[in-house]
Structures are given as C-alpha cells and as structure tokens.
PDB file of all heavy atoms in Angstrom:
ATOM      1  N   ILE A   1     -16.190  -6.561 -18.433  1.00  0.00           N
ATOM      2  CA  ILE A   1     -17.075  -5.741 -17.605  1.00  0.00           C
ATOM      3  C   ILE A   1     -16.904  -4.296 -18.092  1.00  0.00           C
ATOM      4  O   ILE A   1     -15.927  -3.930 -18.747  1.00  0.00           O
ATOM      5  CB  ILE A   1     -16.693  -5.862 -16.109  1.00  0.00           C
ATOM      6  CG1 ILE A   1     -15.227  -5.445 -15.882  1.00  0.00           C
ATOM      7  CG2 ILE A   1     -16.946  -7.270 -15.587  1.00  0.00           C
ATOM      8  CD1 ILE A   1     -14.833  -5.382 -14.437  1.00  0.00           C
ATOM      9  N   ASP A   2     -17.874  -3.465 -17.696  1.00  0.00           N
ATOM     10  CA  ASP A   2     -17.761  -2.044 -18.113  1.00  0.00           C
ATOM     11  C   ASP A   2     -16.915  -1.289 -17.139  1.00  0.00           C
ATOM     12  O   ASP A   2     -16.559  -1.791 -16.062  1.00  0.00           O
ATOM     13  CB  ASP A   2     -19.191  -1.450 -18.286  1.00  0.00           C
ATOM     14  CG  ASP A   2     -19.992  -1.503 -16.987  1.00  0.00           C
ATOM     15  OD1 ASP A   2     -19.417  -1.481 -15.900  1.00  0.00           O
ATOM     16  OD2 ASP A   2     -21.242  -1.525 -17.095  1.00  0.00           O
ATOM     17  N   GLU A   3     -16.582  -0.077 -17.492  1.00  0.00           N
ATOM     18  CA  GLU A   3     -15.691   0.766 -16.688  1.00  0.00           C
ATOM     19  C   GLU A   3     -16.291   1.063 -15.300  1.00  0.00           C
ATOM     20  O   GLU A   3     -15.543   1.090 -14.307  1.00  0.00           O
ATOM     21  CB  GLU A   3     -15.432   2.086 -17.400  1.00  0.00           C
ATOM     22  CG  GLU A   3     -14.613   1.992 -18.665  1.00  0.00           C
ATOM     23  CD  GLU A   3     -13.169   1.736 -18.428  1.00  0.00           C
ATOM     24  OE1 GLU A   3     -12.709   1.874 -17.246  1.00  0.00           O
ATOM     25  OE2 GLU A   3     -12.457   1.400 -19.369  1.00  0.00           O
ATOM     26  N   LYS A   4     -17.619   1.222 -15.255  1.00  0.00           N
ATOM     27  CA  LYS A   4     -18.250   1.469 -13.948  1.00  0.00           C
ATOM     28  C   LYS A   4     -18.047   0.299 -12.988  1.00  0.00           C
ATOM     29  O   LYS A   4     -17.747   0.497 -11.803  1.00  0.00           O
ATOM     30  CB  LYS A   4     -19.721   1.721 -14.170  1.00  0.00           C
ATOM     31  CG  LYS A   4     -20.499   2.106 -12.887  1.00  0.00           C
ATOM     32  CD  LYS A   4     -21.935   2.413 -13.184  1.00  0.00           C
ATOM     33  CE  LYS A   4     -22.692   2.794 -11.909  1.00  0.00           C
ATOM     34  NZ  LYS A   4     -24.104   3.117 -12.200  1.00  0.00           N
ATOM     35  N   MET A   5     -18.211  -0.920 -13.483  1.00  0.00           N
ATOM     36  CA  MET A   5     -18.021  -2.091 -12.635  1.00  0.00           C
ATOM     37  C   MET A   5     -16.524  -2.220 -12.272  1.00  0.00           C
ATOM     38  O   MET A   5     -16.202  -2.574 -11.090  1.00  0.00           O
ATOM     39  CB  MET A   5     -18.502  -3.367 -13.357  1.00  0.00           C
ATOM     40  CG  MET A   5     -18.242  -4.623 -12.566  1.00  0.00           C
ATOM     41  SD  MET A   5     -19.031  -4.662 -10.933  1.00  0.00           S
ATOM     42  CE  MET A   5     -20.759  -4.856 -11.412  1.00  0.00           C
ATOM     43  N   ALA A   6     -15.635  -1.924 -13.182  1.00  0.00           N
ATOM     44  CA  ALA A   6     -14.194  -1.971 -12.893  1.00  0.00           C
ATOM     45  C   ALA A   6     -13.839  -0.988 -11.771  1.00  0.00           C
ATOM     46  O   ALA A   6     -13.072  -1.319 -10.834  1.00  0.00           O
ATOM     47  CB  ALA A   6     -13.369  -1.687 -14.146  1.00  0.00           C
ATOM     48  N   ASP A   7     -14.445   0.205 -11.837  1.00  0.00           N
ATOM     49  CA  ASP A   7     -14.169   1.185 -10.790  1.00  0.00           C
ATOM     50  C   ASP A   7     -14.721   0.725  -9.442  1.00  0.00           C
ATOM     51  O   ASP A   7     -14.102   0.926  -8.386  1.00  0.00           O
ATOM     52  CB  ASP A   7     -14.811   2.546 -11.153  1.00  0.00           C
ATOM     53  CG  ASP A   7     -14.059   3.208 -12.309  1.00  0.00           C
ATOM     54  OD1 ASP A   7     -12.938   2.844 -12.628  1.00  0.00           O
ATOM     55  OD2 ASP A   7     -14.697   4.118 -12.923  1.00  0.00           O
ATOM     56  N   LEU A   8     -15.855   0.089  -9.477  1.00  0.00           N
ATOM     57  CA  LEU A   8     -16.486  -0.410  -8.221  1.00  0.00           C
ATOM     58  C   LEU A   8     -15.648  -1.491  -7.624  1.00  0.00           C
ATOM     59  O   LEU A   8     -15.418  -1.509  -6.393  1.00  0.00           O
ATOM     60  CB  LEU A   8     -17.899  -0.916  -8.544  1.00  0.00           C
ATOM     61  CG  LEU A   8     -18.720  -1.421  -7.325  1.00  0.00           C
ATOM     62  CD1 LEU A   8     -18.852  -0.362  -6.270  1.00  0.00           C
ATOM     63  CD2 LEU A   8     -20.074  -1.923  -7.772  1.00  0.00           C
ATOM     64  N   ILE A   9     -15.128  -2.410  -8.473  1.00  0.00           N
ATOM     65  CA  ILE A   9     -14.271  -3.454  -7.952  1.00  0.00           C
ATOM     66  C   ILE A   9     -12.991  -2.877  -7.358  1.00  0.00           C
ATOM     67  O   ILE A   9     -12.589  -3.268  -6.261  1.00  0.00           O
ATOM     68  CB  ILE A   9     -13.899  -4.434  -9.059  1.00  0.00           C
ATOM     69  CG1 ILE A   9     -15.156  -5.238  -9.505  1.00  0.00           C
ATOM     70  CG2 ILE A   9     -12.782  -5.379  -8.672  1.00  0.00           C
ATOM     71  CD1 ILE A   9     -14.951  -6.055 -10.764  1.00  0.00           C
ATOM     72  N   PHE A  10     -12.377  -1.903  -8.044  1.00  0.00           N
ATOM     73  CA  PHE A  10     -11.184  -1.282  -7.554  1.00  0.00           C
ATOM     74  C   PHE A  10     -11.423  -0.663  -6.178  1.00  0.00           C
ATOM     75  O   PHE A  10     -10.587  -0.794  -5.243  1.00  0.00           O
ATOM     76  CB  PHE A  10     -10.643  -0.253  -8.515  1.00  0.00           C
ATOM     77  CG  PHE A  10      -9.377   0.416  -8.106  1.00  0.00           C
ATOM     78  CD1 PHE A  10      -8.164  -0.114  -8.512  1.00  0.00           C
ATOM     79  CD2 PHE A  10      -9.399   1.543  -7.331  1.00  0.00           C
ATOM     80  CE1 PHE A  10      -6.956   0.455  -8.097  1.00  0.00           C
ATOM     81  CE2 PHE A  10      -8.181   2.142  -6.952  1.00  0.00           C
ATOM     82  CZ  PHE A  10      -6.963   1.603  -7.334  1.00  0.00           C
ATOM     83  N   GLU A  11     -12.547   0.063  -6.047  1.00  0.00           N
ATOM     84  CA  GLU A  11     -12.866   0.718  -4.772  1.00  0.00           C
ATOM     85  C   GLU A  11     -13.066  -0.279  -3.639  1.00  0.00           C
ATOM     86  O   GLU A  11     -12.726  -0.040  -2.514  1.00  0.00           O
ATOM     87  CB  GLU A  11     -14.071   1.622  -4.906  1.00  0.00           C
ATOM     88  CG  GLU A  11     -13.754   2.915  -5.693  1.00  0.00           C
ATOM     89  CD  GLU A  11     -12.613   3.689  -5.069  1.00  0.00           C
ATOM     90  OE1 GLU A  11     -12.652   3.893  -3.806  1.00  0.00           O
ATOM     91  OE2 GLU A  11     -11.686   4.065  -5.780  1.00  0.00           O
ATOM     92  N   ARG A  12     -13.720  -1.446  -3.934  1.00  0.00           N
ATOM     93  CA  ARG A  12     -13.898  -2.480  -2.929  1.00  0.00           C
ATOM     94  C   ARG A  12     -12.533  -2.984  -2.462  1.00  0.00           C
ATOM     95  O   ARG A  12     -12.330  -3.143  -1.259  1.00  0.00           O
ATOM     96  CB  ARG A  12     -14.706  -3.621  -3.505  1.00  0.00           C
ATOM     97  CG  ARG A  12     -16.181  -3.355  -3.684  1.00  0.00           C
ATOM     98  CD  ARG A  12     -16.908  -3.254  -2.321  1.00  0.00           C
ATOM     99  NE  ARG A  12     -18.336  -3.107  -2.507  1.00  0.00           N
ATOM    100  CZ  ARG A  12     -19.174  -4.133  -2.464  1.00  0.00           C
ATOM    101  NH1 ARG A  12     -18.767  -5.359  -2.289  1.00  0.00           N
ATOM    102  NH2 ARG A  12     -20.495  -3.916  -2.617  1.00  0.00           N
ATOM    103  N   VAL A  13     -11.633  -3.238  -3.414  1.00  0.00           N
ATOM    104  CA  VAL A  13     -10.336  -3.741  -3.059  1.00  0.00           C
ATOM    105  C   VAL A  13      -9.567  -2.701  -2.240  1.00  0.00           C
ATOM    106  O   VAL A  13      -8.920  -3.032  -1.221  1.00  0.00           O
ATOM    107  CB  VAL A  13      -9.513  -4.117  -4.336  1.00  0.00           C
ATOM    108  CG1 VAL A  13      -8.062  -4.433  -3.964  1.00  0.00           C
ATOM    109  CG2 VAL A  13     -10.180  -5.283  -5.022  1.00  0.00           C
ATOM    110  N   ARG A  14      -9.636  -1.432  -2.661  1.00  0.00           N
ATOM    111  CA  ARG A  14      -8.947  -0.330  -1.922  1.00  0.00           C
ATOM    112  C   ARG A  14      -9.485  -0.211  -0.547  1.00  0.00           C
ATOM    113  O   ARG A  14      -8.695  -0.004   0.416  1.00  0.00           O
ATOM    114  CB  ARG A  14      -9.067   0.959  -2.706  1.00  0.00           C
ATOM    115  CG  ARG A  14      -8.209   2.074  -2.110  1.00  0.00           C
ATOM    116  CD  ARG A  14      -8.575   3.407  -2.740  1.00  0.00           C
ATOM    117  NE  ARG A  14      -9.900   3.808  -2.441  1.00  0.00           N
ATOM    118  CZ  ARG A  14     -10.232   4.354  -1.243  1.00  0.00           C
ATOM    119  NH1 ARG A  14      -9.339   4.541  -0.298  1.00  0.00           N
ATOM    120  NH2 ARG A  14     -11.498   4.685  -1.027  1.00  0.00           N
ATOM    121  N   ALA A  15     -10.762  -0.367  -0.391  1.00  0.00           N
ATOM    122  CA  ALA A  15     -11.385  -0.254   0.937  1.00  0.00           C
ATOM    123  C   ALA A  15     -10.858  -1.362   1.856  1.00  0.00           C
ATOM    124  O   ALA A  15     -10.588  -1.139   3.058  1.00  0.00           O
ATOM    125  CB  ALA A  15     -12.897  -0.320   0.846  1.00  0.00           C
ATOM    126  N   HIS A  16     -10.712  -2.569   1.306  1.00  0.00           N
ATOM    127  CA  HIS A  16     -10.131  -3.652   2.103  1.00  0.00           C
ATOM    128  C   HIS A  16      -8.720  -3.344   2.545  1.00  0.00           C
ATOM    129  O   HIS A  16      -8.371  -3.522   3.702  1.00  0.00           O
ATOM    130  CB  HIS A  16     -10.093  -4.949   1.245  1.00  0.00           C
ATOM    131  CG  HIS A  16     -11.336  -5.730   1.293  1.00  0.00           C
ATOM    132  ND1 HIS A  16     -11.831  -6.252   2.493  1.00  0.00           N
ATOM    133  CD2 HIS A  16     -12.192  -6.156   0.323  1.00  0.00           C
ATOM    134  CE1 HIS A  16     -12.977  -6.933   2.251  1.00  0.00           C
ATOM    135  NE2 HIS A  16     -13.195  -6.863   0.939  1.00  0.00           N
ATOM    136  N   ALA A  17      -7.922  -2.855   1.606  1.00  0.00           N
ATOM    137  CA  ALA A  17      -6.521  -2.518   1.949  1.00  0.00           C
ATOM    138  C   ALA A  17      -6.436  -1.442   2.988  1.00  0.00           C
ATOM    139  O   ALA A  17      -5.650  -1.490   3.905  1.00  0.00           O
ATOM    140  CB  ALA A  17      -5.783  -2.105   0.666  1.00  0.00           C
ATOM    141  N   ASN A  18      -7.317  -0.437   2.835  1.00  0.00           N
ATOM    142  CA  ASN A  18      -7.319   0.687   3.817  1.00  0.00           C
ATOM    143  C   ASN A  18      -7.723   0.184   5.161  1.00  0.00           C
ATOM    144  O   ASN A  18      -7.103   0.525   6.220  1.00  0.00           O
ATOM    145  CB  ASN A  18      -8.314   1.751   3.342  1.00  0.00           C
ATOM    146  CG  ASN A  18      -8.133   3.049   4.120  1.00  0.00           C
ATOM    147  OD1 ASN A  18      -7.157   3.742   4.009  1.00  0.00           O
ATOM    148  ND2 ASN A  18      -9.157   3.373   4.929  1.00  0.00           N
ATOM    149  N   SER A  19      -8.710  -0.678   5.251  1.00  0.00           N
ATOM    150  CA  SER A  19      -9.161  -1.241   6.531  1.00  0.00           C
ATOM    151  C   SER A  19      -8.086  -2.046   7.181  1.00  0.00           C
ATOM    152  O   SER A  19      -7.878  -1.981   8.397  1.00  0.00           O
ATOM    153  CB  SER A  19     -10.419  -2.086   6.300  1.00  0.00           C
ATOM    154  OG  SER A  19     -10.852  -2.661   7.503  1.00  0.00           O
ATOM    155  N   LYS A  20      -7.369  -2.838   6.374  1.00  0.00           N
ATOM    156  CA  LYS A  20      -6.278  -3.668   6.905  1.00  0.00           C
ATOM    157  C   LYS A  20      -5.164  -2.778   7.491  1.00  0.00           C
ATOM    158  O   LYS A  20      -4.622  -3.037   8.575  1.00  0.00           O
ATOM    159  CB  LYS A  20      -5.718  -4.591   5.810  1.00  0.00           C
ATOM    160  CG  LYS A  20      -4.610  -5.502   6.296  1.00  0.00           C
ATOM    161  CD  LYS A  20      -5.074  -6.409   7.446  1.00  0.00           C
ATOM    162  CE  LYS A  20      -4.031  -7.273   8.002  1.00  0.00           C
ATOM    163  NZ  LYS A  20      -4.466  -8.097   9.134  1.00  0.00           N
ATOM    164  N   ALA A  21      -4.816  -1.746   6.765  1.00  0.00           N
ATOM    165  CA  ALA A  21      -3.736  -0.852   7.193  1.00  0.00           C
ATOM    166  C   ALA A  21      -4.136  -0.142   8.500  1.00  0.00           C
ATOM    167  O   ALA A  21      -3.324  -0.051   9.424  1.00  0.00           O
ATOM    168  CB  ALA A  21      -3.426   0.164   6.099  1.00  0.00           C
ATOM    169  N   ILE A  22      -5.369   0.300   8.597  1.00  0.00           N
ATOM    170  CA  ILE A  22      -5.806   0.995   9.830  1.00  0.00           C
ATOM    171  C   ILE A  22      -5.842   0.047  10.981  1.00  0.00           C
ATOM    172  O   ILE A  22      -5.486   0.425  12.115  1.00  0.00           O
ATOM    173  CB  ILE A  22      -7.206   1.619   9.564  1.00  0.00           C
ATOM    174  CG1 ILE A  22      -7.062   2.810   8.594  1.00  0.00           C
ATOM    175  CG2 ILE A  22      -7.855   2.083  10.865  1.00  0.00           C
ATOM    176  CD1 ILE A  22      -8.417   3.438   8.222  1.00  0.00           C
ATOM    177  N   SER A  23      -6.210  -1.193  10.765  1.00  0.00           N
ATOM    178  CA  SER A  23      -6.256  -2.174  11.883  1.00  0.00           C
ATOM    179  C   SER A  23      -4.813  -2.429  12.358  1.00  0.00           C
ATOM    180  O   SER A  23      -4.580  -2.629  13.589  1.00  0.00           O
ATOM    181  CB  SER A  23      -6.913  -3.473  11.443  1.00  0.00           C
ATOM    182  OG  SER A  23      -6.128  -4.150  10.464  1.00  0.00           O
ATOM    183  N   LEU A  24      -3.860  -2.426  11.454  1.00  0.00           N
ATOM    184  CA  LEU A  24      -2.445  -2.572  11.890  1.00  0.00           C
ATOM    185  C   LEU A  24      -1.995  -1.359  12.688  1.00  0.00           C
ATOM    186  O   LEU A  24      -1.342  -1.520  13.733  1.00  0.00           O
ATOM    187  CB  LEU A  24      -1.574  -2.726  10.679  1.00  0.00           C
ATOM    188  CG  LEU A  24      -1.652  -4.074   9.890  1.00  0.00           C
ATOM    189  CD1 LEU A  24      -0.982  -3.995   8.533  1.00  0.00           C
ATOM    190  CD2 LEU A  24      -1.067  -5.220  10.728  1.00  0.00           C
ATOM    191  N   LEU A  25      -2.302  -0.188  12.222  1.00  0.00           N
ATOM    192  CA  LEU A  25      -1.871   1.031  12.877  1.00  0.00           C
ATOM    193  C   LEU A  25      -2.594   1.257  14.190  1.00  0.00           C
ATOM    194  O   LEU A  25      -2.101   2.061  15.007  1.00  0.00           O
ATOM    195  CB  LEU A  25      -2.076   2.221  11.938  1.00  0.00           C
ATOM    196  CG  LEU A  25      -1.113   2.260  10.733  1.00  0.00           C
ATOM    197  CD1 LEU A  25      -1.651   3.181   9.660  1.00  0.00           C
ATOM    198  CD2 LEU A  25       0.260   2.729  11.173  1.00  0.00           C
ATOM    199  N   ALA A  26      -3.709   0.579  14.407  1.00  0.00           N
ATOM    200  CA  ALA A  26      -4.407   0.729  15.667  1.00  0.00           C
ATOM    201  C   ALA A  26      -3.654  -0.007  16.814  1.00  0.00           C
ATOM    202  O   ALA A  26      -3.913   0.279  17.944  1.00  0.00           O
ATOM    203  CB  ALA A  26      -5.821   0.160  15.572  1.00  0.00           C
ATOM    204  N   THR A  27      -2.759  -0.921  16.438  1.00  0.00           N
ATOM    205  CA  THR A  27      -2.091  -1.719  17.436  1.00  0.00           C
ATOM    206  C   THR A  27      -0.643  -1.261  17.670  1.00  0.00           C
ATOM    207  O   THR A  27      -0.089  -1.530  18.739  1.00  0.00           O
ATOM    208  CB  THR A  27      -2.041  -3.206  17.052  1.00  0.00           C
ATOM    209  OG1 THR A  27      -1.341  -3.344  15.817  1.00  0.00           O
ATOM    210  CG2 THR A  27      -3.453  -3.750  16.856  1.00  0.00           C
ATOM    211  N   ALA A  28      -0.059  -0.518  16.719  1.00  0.00           N
ATOM    212  CA  ALA A  28       1.314  -0.109  16.819  1.00  0.00           C
ATOM    213  C   ALA A  28       1.648   0.979  15.746  1.00  0.00           C
ATOM    214  O   ALA A  28       0.872   1.074  14.791  1.00  0.00           O
ATOM    215  CB  ALA A  28       2.315  -1.283  16.702  1.00  0.00           C
ATOM    216  N   GLU A  29       2.767   1.667  15.959  1.00  0.00           N
ATOM    217  CA  GLU A  29       3.197   2.596  14.922  1.00  0.00           C
ATOM    218  C   GLU A  29       3.943   1.837  13.825  1.00  0.00           C
ATOM    219  O   GLU A  29       4.730   0.942  14.134  1.00  0.00           O
ATOM    220  CB  GLU A  29       4.153   3.646  15.547  1.00  0.00           C
ATOM    221  CG  GLU A  29       3.503   4.618  16.494  1.00  0.00           C
ATOM    222  CD  GLU A  29       2.620   5.628  15.856  1.00  0.00           C
ATOM    223  OE1 GLU A  29       2.566   5.672  14.587  1.00  0.00           O
ATOM    224  OE2 GLU A  29       1.901   6.322  16.566  1.00  0.00           O
ATOM    225  N   TYR A  30       3.638   2.130  12.592  1.00  0.00           N
ATOM    226  CA  TYR A  30       4.331   1.548  11.473  1.00  0.00           C
ATOM    227  C   TYR A  30       4.823   2.659  10.547  1.00  0.00           C
ATOM    228  O   TYR A  30       4.201   3.707  10.438  1.00  0.00           O
ATOM    229  CB  TYR A  30       3.424   0.626  10.665  1.00  0.00           C
ATOM    230  CG  TYR A  30       3.116  -0.678  11.348  1.00  0.00           C
ATOM    231  CD1 TYR A  30       1.956  -0.825  12.115  1.00  0.00           C
ATOM    232  CD2 TYR A  30       3.889  -1.801  11.165  1.00  0.00           C
ATOM    233  CE1 TYR A  30       1.684  -2.033  12.778  1.00  0.00           C
ATOM    234  CE2 TYR A  30       3.604  -2.994  11.741  1.00  0.00           C
ATOM    235  CZ  TYR A  30       2.474  -3.108  12.528  1.00  0.00           C
ATOM    236  OH  TYR A  30       2.196  -4.313  13.159  1.00  0.00           O
ATOM    237  N   SER A  31       5.927   2.418   9.838  1.00  0.00           N
ATOM    238  CA  SER A  31       6.293   3.330   8.790  1.00  0.00           C
ATOM    239  C   SER A  31       5.549   3.022   7.542  1.00  0.00           C
ATOM    240  O   SER A  31       4.992   1.912   7.397  1.00  0.00           O
ATOM    241  CB  SER A  31       7.830   3.172   8.512  1.00  0.00           C
ATOM    242  OG  SER A  31       8.093   1.922   7.927  1.00  0.00           O
ATOM    243  N   GLN A  32       5.527   3.973   6.583  1.00  0.00           N
ATOM    244  CA  GLN A  32       4.785   3.706   5.355  1.00  0.00           C
ATOM    245  C   GLN A  32       5.441   2.576   4.600  1.00  0.00           C
ATOM    246  O   GLN A  32       4.801   1.796   3.900  1.00  0.00           O
ATOM    247  CB  GLN A  32       4.707   4.963   4.532  1.00  0.00           C
ATOM    248  CG  GLN A  32       5.997   5.573   4.061  1.00  0.00           C
ATOM    249  CD  GLN A  32       6.413   5.206   2.656  1.00  0.00           C
ATOM    250  OE1 GLN A  32       5.705   4.443   1.996  1.00  0.00           O
ATOM    251  NE2 GLN A  32       7.548   5.711   2.220  1.00  0.00           N
ATOM    252  N   GLN A  33       6.759   2.410   4.767  1.00  0.00           N
ATOM    253  CA  GLN A  33       7.471   1.304   4.105  1.00  0.00           C
ATOM    254  C   GLN A  33       6.983  -0.033   4.642  1.00  0.00           C
ATOM    255  O   GLN A  33       6.778  -0.952   3.899  1.00  0.00           O
ATOM    256  CB  GLN A  33       8.967   1.477   4.358  1.00  0.00           C
ATOM    257  CG  GLN A  33       9.876   0.515   3.596  1.00  0.00           C
ATOM    258  CD  GLN A  33      11.332   0.755   3.899  1.00  0.00           C
ATOM    259  OE1 GLN A  33      11.810   0.466   5.011  1.00  0.00           O
ATOM    260  NE2 GLN A  33      12.058   1.363   2.970  1.00  0.00           N
ATOM    261  N   GLU A  34       6.796  -0.124   5.964  1.00  0.00           N
ATOM    262  CA  GLU A  34       6.303  -1.347   6.557  1.00  0.00           C
ATOM    263  C   GLU A  34       4.880  -1.643   6.175  1.00  0.00           C
ATOM    264  O   GLU A  34       4.513  -2.807   5.903  1.00  0.00           O
ATOM    265  CB  GLU A  34       6.412  -1.260   8.080  1.00  0.00           C
ATOM    266  CG  GLU A  34       7.883  -1.249   8.563  1.00  0.00           C
ATOM    267  CD  GLU A  34       7.995  -0.794  10.021  1.00  0.00           C
ATOM    268  OE1 GLU A  34       7.096  -0.129  10.512  1.00  0.00           O
ATOM    269  OE2 GLU A  34       9.020  -1.157  10.646  1.00  0.00           O
ATOM    270  N   ILE A  35       4.013  -0.616   6.085  1.00  0.00           N
ATOM    271  CA  ILE A  35       2.633  -0.812   5.646  1.00  0.00           C
ATOM    272  C   ILE A  35       2.619  -1.296   4.199  1.00  0.00           C
ATOM    273  O   ILE A  35       1.842  -2.217   3.822  1.00  0.00           O
ATOM    274  CB  ILE A  35       1.810   0.484   5.800  1.00  0.00           C
ATOM    275  CG1 ILE A  35       1.632   0.816   7.267  1.00  0.00           C
ATOM    276  CG2 ILE A  35       0.454   0.339   5.095  1.00  0.00           C
ATOM    277  CD1 ILE A  35       0.775  -0.207   8.057  1.00  0.00           C
ATOM    278  N   ARG A  36       3.474  -0.705   3.358  1.00  0.00           N
ATOM    279  CA  ARG A  36       3.540  -1.142   1.972  1.00  0.00           C
ATOM    280  C   ARG A  36       3.877  -2.612   1.865  1.00  0.00           C
ATOM    281  O   ARG A  36       3.268  -3.367   1.090  1.00  0.00           O
ATOM    282  CB  ARG A  36       4.601  -0.322   1.202  1.00  0.00           C
ATOM    283  CG  ARG A  36       4.155   1.110   0.846  1.00  0.00           C
ATOM    284  CD  ARG A  36       5.247   1.814   0.033  1.00  0.00           C
ATOM    285  NE  ARG A  36       4.821   3.145  -0.227  1.00  0.00           N
ATOM    286  CZ  ARG A  36       4.080   3.502  -1.222  1.00  0.00           C
ATOM    287  NH1 ARG A  36       3.603   2.574  -2.098  1.00  0.00           N
ATOM    288  NH2 ARG A  36       3.742   4.778  -1.463  1.00  0.00           N
ATOM    289  N   TYR A  37       4.878  -3.024   2.637  1.00  0.00           N
ATOM    290  CA  TYR A  37       5.302  -4.430   2.605  1.00  0.00           C
ATOM    291  C   TYR A  37       4.161  -5.341   3.023  1.00  0.00           C
ATOM    292  O   TYR A  37       3.906  -6.376   2.358  1.00  0.00           O
ATOM    293  CB  TYR A  37       6.515  -4.622   3.498  1.00  0.00           C
ATOM    294  CG  TYR A  37       6.933  -6.093   3.653  1.00  0.00           C
ATOM    295  CD1 TYR A  37       7.664  -6.680   2.650  1.00  0.00           C
ATOM    296  CD2 TYR A  37       6.518  -6.824   4.760  1.00  0.00           C
ATOM    297  CE1 TYR A  37       8.021  -8.021   2.760  1.00  0.00           C
ATOM    298  CE2 TYR A  37       6.887  -8.167   4.882  1.00  0.00           C
ATOM    299  CZ  TYR A  37       7.631  -8.775   3.876  1.00  0.00           C
ATOM    300  OH  TYR A  37       7.978 -10.096   4.016  1.00  0.00           O
TER     301      TYR A  37
END
C-alpha cells in the first residue's frame, strides 16, 4: 500500500485505541500505566 493509505490505517487504529481509553476513564480513574496495560 502507499504511504497515504498506511497513515490512514494508523489513524483508524489510533482512534480506536483513544476511544477505548476514554471509555475506560469515563467509568473510573486510571493511571497511565494501567491504560497502557
């Protein structure tokens, strides 16, 4: 794939991870270490 598509895929994955982290933090406080895990 070209670089543009690779960047788009990366951003989609990052958006998923960000959404998951925010949903966790909406229910309780977490440390960055716990979010990483």
